[in-house]
Amino acid sequence: MKHALPLAGRLAGLDLGTKTIGIALSDPLLITATPLTTIRRTKFTKDINLLSELVAEYEIAGLVLGLPVEMDGTEGRRCQSTRTFADNIRALEQPISQLPIAFWDERLSTAAVERVMIDELDMSRKKRMKTVDRNAASWILQGFLDAIAFADK
């Protein structure tokens, strides 16, 4: 898992939804994930252009895509959509296509983030809707970072 991604430099975590892409960013030491932004999806080329701008601005060295595995562990249509998104990035003739891409099981990430926002932060539905995707991306990326840190021990 870690061998596919760089040992240093920032990683971006992506929570791919049908309407939005939540984006989180790791620190350069690959210890913590922080929610960054949410992109409202339009066309793949526009989405990638916005993502490419973030890759350049934050010097992102790899991508971690949340993989929406079914509760029974199987991969359904949403997983295929995520894998196709990754394949489409790899097929581009842009610098972003050279970034290594890893997948991370994102089961219940959005539900977990929403539960924290409701129970611990007492956030209104309107406020949650504005931040849930980037926070889910952070949840996904932090899970990945914790796993690679544990694997090193």
N, C-alpha and C. Protein backbone atom coordinates (compact mmCIF):
# COMPACT_ATOMS: atom_id res chain seq x y z
N MET A 1 0.83 -1.19 0.00
CA MET A 1 0.00 0.00 0.00
C MET A 1 0.87 1.25 0.00
N LYS A 2 1.78 1.39 0.96
CA LYS A 2 2.59 2.59 1.04
C LYS A 2 3.61 2.66 -0.10
N HIS A 3 4.02 1.51 -0.59
CA HIS A 3 5.04 1.50 -1.63
C HIS A 3 4.56 2.17 -2.92
N ALA A 4 3.27 2.21 -3.13
CA ALA A 4 2.72 2.84 -4.33
C ALA A 4 2.75 4.36 -4.22
N LEU A 5 2.83 4.87 -3.01
CA LEU A 5 2.81 6.31 -2.79
C LEU A 5 4.15 6.78 -2.26
N PRO A 6 4.44 8.06 -2.42
CA PRO A 6 5.72 8.58 -1.95
C PRO A 6 5.82 8.52 -0.43
N LEU A 7 7.05 8.42 0.07
CA LEU A 7 7.28 8.35 1.50
C LEU A 7 7.29 9.73 2.14
N ALA A 8 7.29 10.77 1.34
CA ALA A 8 7.26 12.14 1.85
C ALA A 8 6.48 13.00 0.87
N GLY A 9 6.02 14.11 1.36
CA GLY A 9 5.22 15.00 0.53
C GLY A 9 3.75 14.86 0.87
N ARG A 10 2.99 15.81 0.48
CA ARG A 10 1.56 15.82 0.81
C ARG A 10 0.77 14.85 -0.05
N LEU A 11 -0.23 14.25 0.58
CA LEU A 11 -1.20 13.43 -0.14
C LEU A 11 -2.54 14.16 -0.09
N ALA A 12 -3.34 13.95 -1.11
CA ALA A 12 -4.70 14.46 -1.11
C ALA A 12 -5.65 13.28 -1.00
N GLY A 13 -6.61 13.40 -0.11
CA GLY A 13 -7.67 12.41 0.01
C GLY A 13 -8.91 12.92 -0.70
N LEU A 14 -9.55 12.05 -1.47
CA LEU A 14 -10.73 12.45 -2.23
C LEU A 14 -11.92 11.58 -1.85
N ASP A 15 -13.03 12.24 -1.55
CA ASP A 15 -14.31 11.57 -1.35
C ASP A 15 -15.15 11.90 -2.57
N LEU A 16 -15.25 10.94 -3.48
CA LEU A 16 -15.95 11.16 -4.75
C LEU A 16 -17.43 10.88 -4.60
N GLY A 17 -18.22 11.92 -4.75
CA GLY A 17 -19.67 11.76 -4.77
C GLY A 17 -20.18 12.02 -6.17
N THR A 18 -21.47 11.84 -6.36
CA THR A 18 -22.04 12.09 -7.69
C THR A 18 -22.16 13.58 -7.97
N LYS A 19 -22.27 14.40 -6.92
CA LYS A 19 -22.44 15.84 -7.10
C LYS A 19 -21.22 16.65 -6.67
N THR A 20 -20.43 16.09 -5.77
CA THR A 20 -19.28 16.82 -5.23
C THR A 20 -18.07 15.91 -5.08
N ILE A 21 -16.91 16.55 -4.93
CA ILE A 21 -15.68 15.86 -4.57
C ILE A 21 -15.14 16.55 -3.33
N GLY A 22 -15.13 15.85 -2.21
CA GLY A 22 -14.52 16.39 -1.01
C GLY A 22 -13.02 16.14 -1.07
N ILE A 23 -12.25 17.14 -0.67
CA ILE A 23 -10.79 17.04 -0.76
C ILE A 23 -10.17 17.38 0.59
N ALA A 24 -9.24 16.53 1.01
CA ALA A 24 -8.47 16.76 2.23
C ALA A 24 -6.99 16.69 1.87
N LEU A 25 -6.18 17.21 2.76
CA LEU A 25 -4.74 17.31 2.52
C LEU A 25 -3.97 16.80 3.72
N SER A 26 -2.93 16.03 3.47
CA SER A 26 -2.07 15.60 4.57
C SER A 26 -0.97 16.64 4.79
N ASP A 27 -0.35 16.54 5.95
CA ASP A 27 0.86 17.33 6.16
C ASP A 27 2.00 16.62 5.42
N PRO A 28 3.13 17.31 5.20
CA PRO A 28 4.23 16.70 4.43
C PRO A 28 4.83 15.45 5.09
N LEU A 29 4.66 15.29 6.40
CA LEU A 29 5.21 14.13 7.10
C LEU A 29 4.24 12.94 7.12
N LEU A 30 3.08 13.10 6.50
CA LEU A 30 2.08 12.05 6.39
C LEU A 30 1.57 11.57 7.75
N ILE A 31 1.30 12.55 8.63
CA ILE A 31 0.80 12.23 9.97
C ILE A 31 -0.67 12.60 10.12
N THR A 32 -1.03 13.80 9.69
CA THR A 32 -2.41 14.25 9.89
C THR A 32 -3.06 14.69 8.59
N ALA A 33 -4.37 14.52 8.57
CA ALA A 33 -5.19 14.96 7.43
C ALA A 33 -6.05 16.13 7.87
N THR A 34 -6.22 17.08 6.97
CA THR A 34 -7.02 18.27 7.23
C THR A 34 -7.99 18.48 6.08
N PRO A 35 -9.27 18.75 6.39
CA PRO A 35 -10.21 19.05 5.31
C PRO A 35 -9.75 20.29 4.54
N LEU A 36 -9.86 20.25 3.22
CA LEU A 36 -9.41 21.38 2.41
C LEU A 36 -10.57 22.10 1.73
N THR A 37 -11.27 21.42 0.84
CA THR A 37 -12.32 22.08 0.08
C THR A 37 -13.26 21.04 -0.51
N THR A 38 -14.31 21.54 -1.12
CA THR A 38 -15.25 20.70 -1.85
C THR A 38 -15.43 21.27 -3.24
N ILE A 39 -15.31 20.41 -4.23
CA ILE A 39 -15.53 20.81 -5.62
C ILE A 39 -16.93 20.34 -6.03
N ARG A 40 -17.72 21.24 -6.56
CA ARG A 40 -19.02 20.86 -7.13
C ARG A 40 -18.75 20.26 -8.49
N ARG A 41 -19.14 19.01 -8.70
CA ARG A 41 -18.83 18.31 -9.95
C ARG A 41 -19.66 18.85 -11.10
N THR A 42 -18.99 18.98 -12.25
CA THR A 42 -19.68 19.37 -13.48
C THR A 42 -19.30 18.36 -14.56
N LYS A 43 -18.24 18.66 -15.29
CA LYS A 43 -17.70 17.72 -16.28
C LYS A 43 -16.35 17.24 -15.77
N PHE A 44 -15.95 16.06 -16.22
CA PHE A 44 -14.68 15.49 -15.77
C PHE A 44 -13.52 16.45 -16.03
N THR A 45 -13.49 17.06 -17.22
CA THR A 45 -12.37 17.95 -17.55
C THR A 45 -12.32 19.16 -16.63
N LYS A 46 -13.46 19.72 -16.29
CA LYS A 46 -13.47 20.86 -15.37
C LYS A 46 -13.08 20.43 -13.96
N ASP A 47 -13.60 19.28 -13.55
CA ASP A 47 -13.25 18.75 -12.22
C ASP A 47 -11.74 18.53 -12.12
N ILE A 48 -11.15 17.94 -13.16
CA ILE A 48 -9.72 17.66 -13.16
C ILE A 48 -8.91 18.94 -13.20
N ASN A 49 -9.36 19.93 -13.94
CA ASN A 49 -8.64 21.21 -13.97
C ASN A 49 -8.59 21.83 -12.58
N LEU A 50 -9.70 21.80 -11.85
CA LEU A 50 -9.71 22.33 -10.49
C LEU A 50 -8.81 21.50 -9.58
N LEU A 51 -8.89 20.19 -9.71
CA LEU A 51 -8.04 19.32 -8.91
C LEU A 51 -6.57 19.52 -9.25
N SER A 52 -6.26 19.70 -10.52
CA SER A 52 -4.87 19.94 -10.95
C SER A 52 -4.33 21.23 -10.36
N GLU A 53 -5.16 22.25 -10.27
CA GLU A 53 -4.74 23.51 -9.65
C GLU A 53 -4.35 23.29 -8.19
N LEU A 54 -5.15 22.50 -7.48
CA LEU A 54 -4.84 22.20 -6.08
C LEU A 54 -3.57 21.37 -5.96
N VAL A 55 -3.39 20.41 -6.87
CA VAL A 55 -2.18 19.59 -6.87
C VAL A 55 -0.94 20.47 -7.02
N ALA A 56 -1.00 21.43 -7.93
CA ALA A 56 0.14 22.33 -8.14
C ALA A 56 0.33 23.26 -6.94
N GLU A 57 -0.76 23.86 -6.47
CA GLU A 57 -0.67 24.82 -5.38
C GLU A 57 -0.11 24.22 -4.10
N TYR A 58 -0.55 23.00 -3.77
CA TYR A 58 -0.15 22.37 -2.51
C TYR A 58 0.96 21.34 -2.69
N GLU A 59 1.49 21.23 -3.90
CA GLU A 59 2.58 20.29 -4.19
C GLU A 59 2.22 18.87 -3.74
N ILE A 60 1.07 18.42 -4.17
CA ILE A 60 0.56 17.11 -3.80
C ILE A 60 1.34 16.03 -4.55
N ALA A 61 1.77 15.00 -3.81
CA ALA A 61 2.62 13.96 -4.37
C ALA A 61 1.89 12.65 -4.64
N GLY A 62 0.64 12.54 -4.23
CA GLY A 62 -0.13 11.32 -4.45
C GLY A 62 -1.58 11.51 -4.05
N LEU A 63 -2.45 10.65 -4.56
CA LEU A 63 -3.88 10.73 -4.30
C LEU A 63 -4.37 9.47 -3.60
N VAL A 64 -5.25 9.65 -2.64
CA VAL A 64 -5.93 8.54 -1.97
C VAL A 64 -7.42 8.72 -2.24
N LEU A 65 -7.98 7.79 -3.00
CA LEU A 65 -9.40 7.86 -3.34
C LEU A 65 -10.19 6.95 -2.42
N GLY A 66 -11.24 7.50 -1.83
CA GLY A 66 -12.13 6.69 -1.02
C GLY A 66 -12.85 5.69 -1.91
N LEU A 67 -12.82 4.43 -1.53
CA LEU A 67 -13.46 3.37 -2.31
C LEU A 67 -14.72 2.93 -1.57
N PRO A 68 -15.90 3.23 -2.13
CA PRO A 68 -17.16 2.94 -1.43
C PRO A 68 -17.57 1.47 -1.50
N VAL A 69 -16.84 0.65 -0.77
CA VAL A 69 -17.09 -0.79 -0.73
C VAL A 69 -18.43 -1.04 -0.03
N GLU A 70 -19.17 -2.04 -0.50
CA GLU A 70 -20.45 -2.41 0.13
C GLU A 70 -20.19 -2.97 1.53
N MET A 71 -21.21 -2.99 2.36
CA MET A 71 -21.06 -3.47 3.73
C MET A 71 -20.60 -4.93 3.79
N ASP A 72 -20.92 -5.72 2.77
CA ASP A 72 -20.48 -7.12 2.75
C ASP A 72 -19.08 -7.30 2.15
N GLY A 73 -18.42 -6.18 1.84
CA GLY A 73 -17.06 -6.23 1.32
C GLY A 73 -16.94 -6.31 -0.19
N THR A 74 -18.06 -6.39 -0.88
CA THR A 74 -18.02 -6.46 -2.34
C THR A 74 -17.95 -5.06 -2.94
N GLU A 75 -17.53 -5.01 -4.19
CA GLU A 75 -17.46 -3.74 -4.90
C GLU A 75 -18.65 -3.62 -5.84
N GLY A 76 -19.40 -2.56 -5.68
CA GLY A 76 -20.56 -2.31 -6.53
C GLY A 76 -20.28 -1.25 -7.58
N ARG A 77 -21.37 -0.65 -8.08
CA ARG A 77 -21.27 0.37 -9.13
C ARG A 77 -20.46 1.59 -8.70
N ARG A 78 -20.62 2.01 -7.46
CA ARG A 78 -19.89 3.20 -7.00
C ARG A 78 -18.38 2.94 -6.96
N CYS A 79 -17.98 1.73 -6.62
CA CYS A 79 -16.55 1.39 -6.66
C CYS A 79 -16.03 1.45 -8.09
N GLN A 80 -16.81 0.90 -9.01
CA GLN A 80 -16.40 0.93 -10.41
C GLN A 80 -16.27 2.37 -10.90
N SER A 81 -17.18 3.23 -10.48
CA SER A 81 -17.12 4.64 -10.85
C SER A 81 -15.84 5.29 -10.33
N THR A 82 -15.46 4.95 -9.10
CA THR A 82 -14.23 5.49 -8.51
C THR A 82 -13.00 4.98 -9.25
N ARG A 83 -12.99 3.70 -9.57
CA ARG A 83 -11.85 3.14 -10.31
C ARG A 83 -11.77 3.73 -11.72
N THR A 84 -12.90 3.99 -12.34
CA THR A 84 -12.92 4.62 -13.66
C THR A 84 -12.38 6.04 -13.58
N PHE A 85 -12.74 6.77 -12.52
CA PHE A 85 -12.22 8.12 -12.30
C PHE A 85 -10.69 8.07 -12.24
N ALA A 86 -10.15 7.12 -11.49
CA ALA A 86 -8.69 6.96 -11.39
C ALA A 86 -8.08 6.62 -12.75
N ASP A 87 -8.71 5.71 -13.48
CA ASP A 87 -8.22 5.34 -14.81
C ASP A 87 -8.22 6.54 -15.75
N ASN A 88 -9.26 7.36 -15.65
CA ASN A 88 -9.35 8.56 -16.49
C ASN A 88 -8.25 9.57 -16.15
N ILE A 89 -7.91 9.68 -14.88
CA ILE A 89 -6.79 10.55 -14.49
C ILE A 89 -5.50 10.02 -15.10
N ARG A 90 -5.27 8.72 -14.96
CA ARG A 90 -4.03 8.11 -15.48
C ARG A 90 -3.90 8.26 -17.00
N ALA A 91 -5.02 8.37 -17.70
CA ALA A 91 -5.01 8.46 -19.16
C ALA A 91 -4.76 9.87 -19.67
N LEU A 92 -4.77 10.85 -18.78
CA LEU A 92 -4.58 12.24 -19.19
C LEU A 92 -3.13 12.51 -19.60
N GLU A 93 -2.96 13.53 -20.38
CA GLU A 93 -1.61 14.00 -20.71
C GLU A 93 -1.37 15.29 -19.96
N GLN A 94 -1.45 15.20 -18.65
CA GLN A 94 -1.23 16.32 -17.74
C GLN A 94 -0.39 15.81 -16.58
N PRO A 95 0.26 16.71 -15.86
CA PRO A 95 1.09 16.28 -14.73
C PRO A 95 0.33 15.44 -13.69
N ILE A 96 -0.95 15.72 -13.49
CA ILE A 96 -1.72 14.97 -12.49
C ILE A 96 -1.75 13.47 -12.81
N SER A 97 -1.62 13.12 -14.08
CA SER A 97 -1.68 11.71 -14.47
C SER A 97 -0.46 10.92 -13.98
N GLN A 98 0.59 11.62 -13.61
CA GLN A 98 1.80 10.96 -13.13
C GLN A 98 1.77 10.66 -11.63
N LEU A 99 0.77 11.19 -10.93
CA LEU A 99 0.68 10.97 -9.49
C LEU A 99 0.26 9.53 -9.19
N PRO A 100 0.90 8.92 -8.20
CA PRO A 100 0.43 7.60 -7.78
C PRO A 100 -0.94 7.72 -7.12
N ILE A 101 -1.78 6.71 -7.32
CA ILE A 101 -3.13 6.71 -6.77
C ILE A 101 -3.32 5.45 -5.94
N ALA A 102 -3.83 5.63 -4.73
CA ALA A 102 -4.18 4.49 -3.87
C ALA A 102 -5.67 4.58 -3.56
N PHE A 103 -6.25 3.45 -3.20
CA PHE A 103 -7.66 3.40 -2.82
C PHE A 103 -7.75 3.03 -1.34
N TRP A 104 -8.75 3.59 -0.67
CA TRP A 104 -8.95 3.28 0.74
C TRP A 104 -10.43 3.06 1.00
N ASP A 105 -10.73 1.98 1.70
CA ASP A 105 -12.11 1.62 2.03
C ASP A 105 -12.75 2.78 2.80
N GLU A 106 -13.80 3.33 2.23
CA GLU A 106 -14.44 4.49 2.86
C GLU A 106 -15.78 4.15 3.50
N ARG A 107 -16.06 2.87 3.71
CA ARG A 107 -17.35 2.49 4.29
C ARG A 107 -17.69 3.34 5.50
N LEU A 108 -18.85 3.92 5.47
CA LEU A 108 -19.42 4.69 6.57
C LEU A 108 -18.68 5.99 6.88
N SER A 109 -17.76 6.44 6.04
CA SER A 109 -17.03 7.67 6.35
C SER A 109 -17.96 8.87 6.45
N THR A 110 -18.85 9.04 5.49
CA THR A 110 -19.76 10.18 5.52
C THR A 110 -20.72 10.06 6.70
N ALA A 111 -21.22 8.87 6.95
CA ALA A 111 -22.13 8.67 8.08
C ALA A 111 -21.42 8.97 9.41
N ALA A 112 -20.17 8.55 9.54
CA ALA A 112 -19.41 8.80 10.77
C ALA A 112 -19.17 10.29 10.97
N VAL A 113 -18.81 10.97 9.90
CA VAL A 113 -18.56 12.41 9.98
C VAL A 113 -19.86 13.15 10.33
N GLU A 114 -20.95 12.77 9.70
CA GLU A 114 -22.23 13.42 10.01
C GLU A 114 -22.63 13.19 11.46
N ARG A 115 -22.38 11.98 11.97
CA ARG A 115 -22.72 11.68 13.36
C ARG A 115 -21.92 12.59 14.30
N VAL A 116 -20.64 12.79 14.05
CA VAL A 116 -19.82 13.69 14.87
C VAL A 116 -20.36 15.11 14.77
N MET A 117 -20.70 15.54 13.56
CA MET A 117 -21.20 16.90 13.37
C MET A 117 -22.52 17.13 14.11
N ILE A 118 -23.34 16.11 14.20
CA ILE A 118 -24.62 16.23 14.89
C ILE A 118 -24.44 16.10 16.40
N ASP A 119 -23.80 15.01 16.83
CA ASP A 119 -23.72 14.70 18.26
C ASP A 119 -22.74 15.57 19.02
N GLU A 120 -21.57 15.81 18.45
CA GLU A 120 -20.53 16.52 19.20
C GLU A 120 -20.46 18.01 18.88
N LEU A 121 -20.78 18.37 17.65
CA LEU A 121 -20.67 19.77 17.26
C LEU A 121 -22.02 20.47 17.18
N ASP A 122 -23.10 19.70 17.30
CA ASP A 122 -24.46 20.24 17.23
C ASP A 122 -24.65 21.15 16.02
N MET A 123 -24.15 20.70 14.89
CA MET A 123 -24.19 21.49 13.66
C MET A 123 -25.54 21.37 12.97
N SER A 124 -26.00 22.47 12.44
CA SER A 124 -27.26 22.45 11.70
C SER A 124 -27.07 21.70 10.38
N ARG A 125 -28.18 21.23 9.82
CA ARG A 125 -28.13 20.51 8.54
C ARG A 125 -27.49 21.37 7.46
N LYS A 126 -27.82 22.65 7.43
CA LYS A 126 -27.29 23.56 6.42
C LYS A 126 -25.76 23.66 6.52
N LYS A 127 -25.25 23.80 7.73
CA LYS A 127 -23.79 23.87 7.92
C LYS A 127 -23.12 22.55 7.59
N ARG A 128 -23.78 21.44 7.97
CA ARG A 128 -23.21 20.12 7.67
C ARG A 128 -23.07 19.92 6.17
N MET A 129 -24.07 20.32 5.42
CA MET A 129 -24.06 20.12 3.96
C MET A 129 -22.88 20.84 3.31
N LYS A 130 -22.44 21.94 3.90
CA LYS A 130 -21.33 22.71 3.32
C LYS A 130 -19.97 22.06 3.57
N THR A 131 -19.87 21.25 4.62
CA THR A 131 -18.55 20.75 5.00
C THR A 131 -18.41 19.23 5.04
N VAL A 132 -19.51 18.50 4.91
CA VAL A 132 -19.45 17.05 5.13
C VAL A 132 -18.52 16.35 4.15
N ASP A 133 -18.49 16.76 2.90
CA ASP A 133 -17.67 16.05 1.90
C ASP A 133 -16.18 16.22 2.16
N ARG A 134 -15.74 17.43 2.47
CA ARG A 134 -14.31 17.62 2.75
C ARG A 134 -13.91 16.94 4.06
N ASN A 135 -14.84 16.92 5.03
CA ASN A 135 -14.56 16.22 6.28
C ASN A 135 -14.53 14.72 6.08
N ALA A 136 -15.39 14.19 5.21
CA ALA A 136 -15.34 12.76 4.89
C ALA A 136 -14.02 12.42 4.19
N ALA A 137 -13.56 13.31 3.31
CA ALA A 137 -12.26 13.10 2.65
C ALA A 137 -11.14 13.07 3.69
N SER A 138 -11.23 13.93 4.69
CA SER A 138 -10.23 13.96 5.75
C SER A 138 -10.27 12.66 6.56
N TRP A 139 -11.47 12.17 6.83
CA TRP A 139 -11.65 10.89 7.55
C TRP A 139 -10.99 9.75 6.77
N ILE A 140 -11.24 9.72 5.47
CA ILE A 140 -10.67 8.70 4.59
C ILE A 140 -9.14 8.78 4.60
N LEU A 141 -8.62 9.98 4.38
CA LEU A 141 -7.17 10.17 4.32
C LEU A 141 -6.52 9.85 5.66
N GLN A 142 -7.14 10.26 6.77
CA GLN A 142 -6.56 9.97 8.08
C GLN A 142 -6.52 8.47 8.34
N GLY A 143 -7.55 7.75 7.92
CA GLY A 143 -7.53 6.29 8.06
C GLY A 143 -6.37 5.68 7.29
N PHE A 144 -6.14 6.17 6.10
CA PHE A 144 -5.02 5.70 5.28
C PHE A 144 -3.68 6.02 5.96
N LEU A 145 -3.53 7.26 6.43
CA LEU A 145 -2.28 7.67 7.08
C LEU A 145 -2.02 6.84 8.33
N ASP A 146 -3.06 6.60 9.12
CA ASP A 146 -2.90 5.78 10.33
C ASP A 146 -2.49 4.36 9.97
N ALA A 147 -3.06 3.82 8.91
CA ALA A 147 -2.73 2.46 8.49
C ALA A 147 -1.28 2.35 8.03
N ILE A 148 -0.79 3.32 7.28
CA ILE A 148 0.60 3.22 6.82
C ILE A 148 1.57 3.46 7.97
N ALA A 149 1.18 4.30 8.94
CA ALA A 149 2.03 4.51 10.11
C ALA A 149 2.10 3.22 10.93
N PHE A 150 0.97 2.55 11.09
CA PHE A 150 0.92 1.29 11.84
C PHE A 150 1.70 0.20 11.11
N ALA A 151 1.62 0.18 9.79
CA ALA A 151 2.31 -0.84 8.99
C ALA A 151 3.83 -0.72 9.11
N ASP A 152 4.31 0.50 9.42
CA ASP A 152 5.75 0.72 9.56
C ASP A 152 6.29 0.21 10.89
N LYS A 153 5.41 -0.10 11.82
CA LYS A 153 5.87 -0.51 13.16
C LYS A 153 6.05 -2.00 13.25
